Amino acid sequence: MLVGALLTVLTLSVIQLGLALLVRNTVLDAASEGARYGALADNNIGDSVGRTRDLITTALGPGYARDISVARGSYDGYPADIVTVKTPLPLIGLIGIPRGLEVHGHAAIETLP
């Protein structure tokens, strides 16, 4: 009985870790895609936020797409759009620490000659 309880706790912990990694990877991918979208020559910096919000809302829900910001800066010495997403870190199911996870997506700004 003690072994069964220990294995149950271990299994649930691994599943929760997988869920947290899924949320992190999904939000990171959405931030990177949003940065790439906003860095295109015919788009502006505000398009990054809308694209990132749409991707996160579709994949995880609107609760994970509340705090999205974008800035123009430098990444590896090149001008870039930097999208920052602060989202909940799931600890028990999808319930977790508000703004416990922060990811950044970068994309070099495209210019036309």
C-alpha atoms as a PDB file:
ATOM      1  CA  MET A   1       0.000   0.000   0.000  1.00  0.00           C
ATOM      2  CA  LEU A   2       2.825   2.412   0.814  1.00  0.00           C
ATOM      3  CA  VAL A   3       4.535   1.573  -2.466  1.00  0.00           C
ATOM      4  CA  GLY A   4       1.308   2.220  -4.387  1.00  0.00           C
ATOM      5  CA  ALA A   5       0.921   5.640  -2.776  1.00  0.00           C
ATOM      6  CA  LEU A   6       4.545   6.498  -3.540  1.00  0.00           C
ATOM      7  CA  LEU A   7       4.177   5.434  -7.176  1.00  0.00           C
ATOM      8  CA  THR A   8       0.953   7.434  -7.499  1.00  0.00           C
ATOM      9  CA  VAL A   9       2.627  10.586  -6.180  1.00  0.00           C
ATOM     10  CA  LEU A  10       5.613  10.020  -8.477  1.00  0.00           C
ATOM     11  CA  THR A  11       3.374   9.490 -11.510  1.00  0.00           C
ATOM     12  CA  LEU A  12       1.300  12.603 -10.799  1.00  0.00           C
ATOM     13  CA  SER A  13       4.485  14.636 -10.313  1.00  0.00           C
ATOM     14  CA  VAL A  14       5.859  13.552 -13.687  1.00  0.00           C
ATOM     15  CA  ILE A  15       2.545  14.360 -15.386  1.00  0.00           C
ATOM     16  CA  GLN A  16       2.516  17.820 -13.743  1.00  0.00           C
ATOM     17  CA  LEU A  17       6.102  18.456 -14.870  1.00  0.00           C
ATOM     18  CA  GLY A  18       5.088  17.505 -18.400  1.00  0.00           C
ATOM     19  CA  LEU A  19       2.155  19.928 -18.248  1.00  0.00           C
ATOM     20  CA  ALA A  20       4.382  22.762 -17.006  1.00  0.00           C
ATOM     21  CA  LEU A  21       6.865  22.101 -19.812  1.00  0.00           C
ATOM     22  CA  LEU A  22       4.042  22.000 -22.359  1.00  0.00           C
ATOM     23  CA  VAL A  23       2.797  25.422 -21.195  1.00  0.00           C
ATOM     24  CA  ARG A  24       6.332  26.851 -21.246  1.00  0.00           C
ATOM     25  CA  ASN A  25       7.120  25.539 -24.720  1.00  0.00           C
ATOM     26  CA  THR A  26       3.768  26.644 -26.133  1.00  0.00           C
ATOM     27  CA  VAL A  27       4.111  30.181 -24.750  1.00  0.00           C
ATOM     28  CA  LEU A  28       7.752  30.407 -25.878  1.00  0.00           C
ATOM     29  CA  ASP A  29       6.819  29.300 -29.395  1.00  0.00           C
ATOM     30  CA  ALA A  30       3.958  31.814 -29.520  1.00  0.00           C
ATOM     31  CA  ALA A  31       6.265  34.634 -28.346  1.00  0.00           C
ATOM     32  CA  SER A  32       8.865  33.743 -30.973  1.00  0.00           C
ATOM     33  CA  GLU A  33       6.240  33.515 -33.714  1.00  0.00           C
ATOM     34  CA  GLY A  34       4.731  36.830 -32.624  1.00  0.00           C
ATOM     35  CA  ALA A  35       8.161  38.473 -32.750  1.00  0.00           C
ATOM     36  CA  ARG A  36       8.805  37.083 -36.230  1.00  0.00           C
ATOM     37  CA  TYR A  37       5.404  38.283 -37.411  1.00  0.00           C
ATOM     38  CA  GLY A  38       5.928  41.807 -36.081  1.00  0.00           C
ATOM     39  CA  ALA A  39       9.464  42.013 -37.482  1.00  0.00           C
ATOM     40  CA  LEU A  40       8.313  41.551 -41.076  1.00  0.00           C
ATOM     41  CA  ALA A  41       8.871  44.572 -43.308  1.00  0.00           C
ATOM     42  CA  ASP A  42       5.167  45.277 -43.886  1.00  0.00           C
ATOM     43  CA  ASN A  43       4.094  44.861 -40.212  1.00  0.00           C
ATOM     44  CA  ASN A  44       4.621  47.075 -37.196  1.00  0.00           C
ATOM     45  CA  ILE A  45       5.566  46.432 -33.598  1.00  0.00           C
ATOM     46  CA  GLY A  46       1.931  46.284 -32.444  1.00  0.00           C
ATOM     47  CA  ASP A  47       1.181  43.332 -34.706  1.00  0.00           C
ATOM     48  CA  SER A  48       3.447  41.170 -32.522  1.00  0.00           C
ATOM     49  CA  VAL A  49       1.146  41.418 -29.501  1.00  0.00           C
ATOM     50  CA  GLY A  50      -1.987  40.491 -31.433  1.00  0.00           C
ATOM     51  CA  ARG A  51      -0.371  37.495 -33.114  1.00  0.00           C
ATOM     52  CA  THR A  52       1.112  36.231 -29.830  1.00  0.00           C
ATOM     53  CA  ARG A  53      -2.199  36.664 -28.007  1.00  0.00           C
ATOM     54  CA  ASP A  54      -4.099  34.789 -30.728  1.00  0.00           C
ATOM     55  CA  LEU A  55      -1.682  31.850 -30.660  1.00  0.00           C
ATOM     56  CA  ILE A  56      -1.673  31.521 -26.860  1.00  0.00           C
ATOM     57  CA  THR A  57      -5.454  31.896 -26.594  1.00  0.00           C
ATOM     58  CA  THR A  58      -6.007  29.214 -29.225  1.00  0.00           C
ATOM     59  CA  ALA A  59      -3.579  26.748 -27.634  1.00  0.00           C
ATOM     60  CA  LEU A  60      -4.016  27.336 -23.880  1.00  0.00           C
ATOM     61  CA  GLY A  61      -6.847  29.794 -23.275  1.00  0.00           C
ATOM     62  CA  PRO A  62      -7.209  33.508 -22.576  1.00  0.00           C
ATOM     63  CA  GLY A  63      -5.932  33.231 -18.998  1.00  0.00           C
ATOM     64  CA  TYR A  64      -2.430  32.593 -20.301  1.00  0.00           C
ATOM     65  CA  ALA A  65      -2.401  35.563 -22.718  1.00  0.00           C
ATOM     66  CA  ARG A  66      -2.978  38.469 -20.347  1.00  0.00           C
ATOM     67  CA  ASP A  67       0.486  40.014 -19.948  1.00  0.00           C
ATOM     68  CA  ILE A  68       2.219  40.401 -23.322  1.00  0.00           C
ATOM     69  CA  SER A  69       4.623  43.220 -24.118  1.00  0.00           C
ATOM     70  CA  VAL A  70       6.851  44.006 -27.065  1.00  0.00           C
ATOM     71  CA  ALA A  71       9.868  46.257 -27.422  1.00  0.00           C
ATOM     72  CA  ARG A  72      12.396  47.145 -30.060  1.00  0.00           C
ATOM     73  CA  GLY A  73      15.914  46.413 -28.972  1.00  0.00           C
ATOM     74  CA  SER A  74      19.073  44.592 -29.888  1.00  0.00           C
ATOM     75  CA  TYR A  75      19.672  40.856 -29.871  1.00  0.00           C
ATOM     76  CA  ASP A  76      23.135  39.505 -30.721  1.00  0.00           C
ATOM     77  CA  GLY A  77      24.025  42.937 -32.066  1.00  0.00           C
ATOM     78  CA  TYR A  78      21.136  43.163 -34.542  1.00  0.00           C
ATOM     79  CA  PRO A  79      17.979  45.284 -34.254  1.00  0.00           C
ATOM     80  CA  ALA A  80      15.173  43.003 -33.131  1.00  0.00           C
ATOM     81  CA  ASP A  81      11.623  42.793 -31.861  1.00  0.00           C
ATOM     82  CA  ILE A  82      11.547  41.283 -28.381  1.00  0.00           C
ATOM     83  CA  VAL A  83       8.214  39.860 -27.211  1.00  0.00           C
ATOM     84  CA  THR A  84       7.894  39.166 -23.478  1.00  0.00           C
ATOM     85  CA  VAL A  85       5.089  37.011 -22.087  1.00  0.00           C
ATOM     86  CA  LYS A  86       4.405  36.644 -18.366  1.00  0.00           C
ATOM     87  CA  THR A  87       1.983  33.828 -17.714  1.00  0.00           C
ATOM     88  CA  PRO A  88       0.887  31.523 -14.870  1.00  0.00           C
ATOM     89  CA  LEU A  89       3.166  28.614 -13.999  1.00  0.00           C
ATOM     90  CA  PRO A  90       0.909  25.574 -13.472  1.00  0.00           C
ATOM     91  CA  LEU A  91       1.591  23.750 -10.200  1.00  0.00           C
ATOM     92  CA  ILE A  92      -1.583  21.733  -9.606  1.00  0.00           C
ATOM     93  CA  GLY A  93      -3.312  20.998 -12.887  1.00  0.00           C
ATOM     94  CA  LEU A  94      -3.588  24.333 -14.685  1.00  0.00           C
ATOM     95  CA  ILE A  95      -3.772  26.265 -11.387  1.00  0.00           C
ATOM     96  CA  GLY A  96      -0.545  27.918 -10.412  1.00  0.00           C
ATOM     97  CA  ILE A  97       1.507  30.983  -9.624  1.00  0.00           C
ATOM     98  CA  PRO A  98       0.258  34.074 -11.483  1.00  0.00           C
ATOM     99  CA  ARG A  99       3.038  35.565 -13.630  1.00  0.00           C
ATOM    100  CA  GLY A 100       5.334  32.767 -12.454  1.00  0.00           C
ATOM    101  CA  LEU A 101       6.665  32.077 -15.934  1.00  0.00           C
ATOM    102  CA  GLU A 102       8.347  34.674 -18.134  1.00  0.00           C
ATOM    103  CA  VAL A 103       9.573  33.953 -21.652  1.00  0.00           C
ATOM    104  CA  HIS A 104      11.096  36.105 -24.386  1.00  0.00           C
ATOM    105  CA  GLY A 105      10.851  35.677 -28.145  1.00  0.00           C
ATOM    106  CA  HIS A 106      13.287  37.472 -30.461  1.00  0.00           C
ATOM    107  CA  ALA A 107      13.313  38.179 -34.182  1.00  0.00           C
ATOM    108  CA  ALA A 108      15.578  40.292 -36.363  1.00  0.00           C
ATOM    109  CA  ILE A 109      13.766  43.238 -37.923  1.00  0.00           C
ATOM    110  CA  GLU A 110      13.321  42.866 -41.667  1.00  0.00           C
ATOM    111  CA  THR A 111      13.949  45.927 -43.811  1.00  0.00           C
ATOM    112  CA  LEU A 112      13.412  46.606 -47.462  1.00  0.00           C
ATOM    113  CA  PRO A 113      16.310  48.056 -49.460  1.00  0.00           C
END
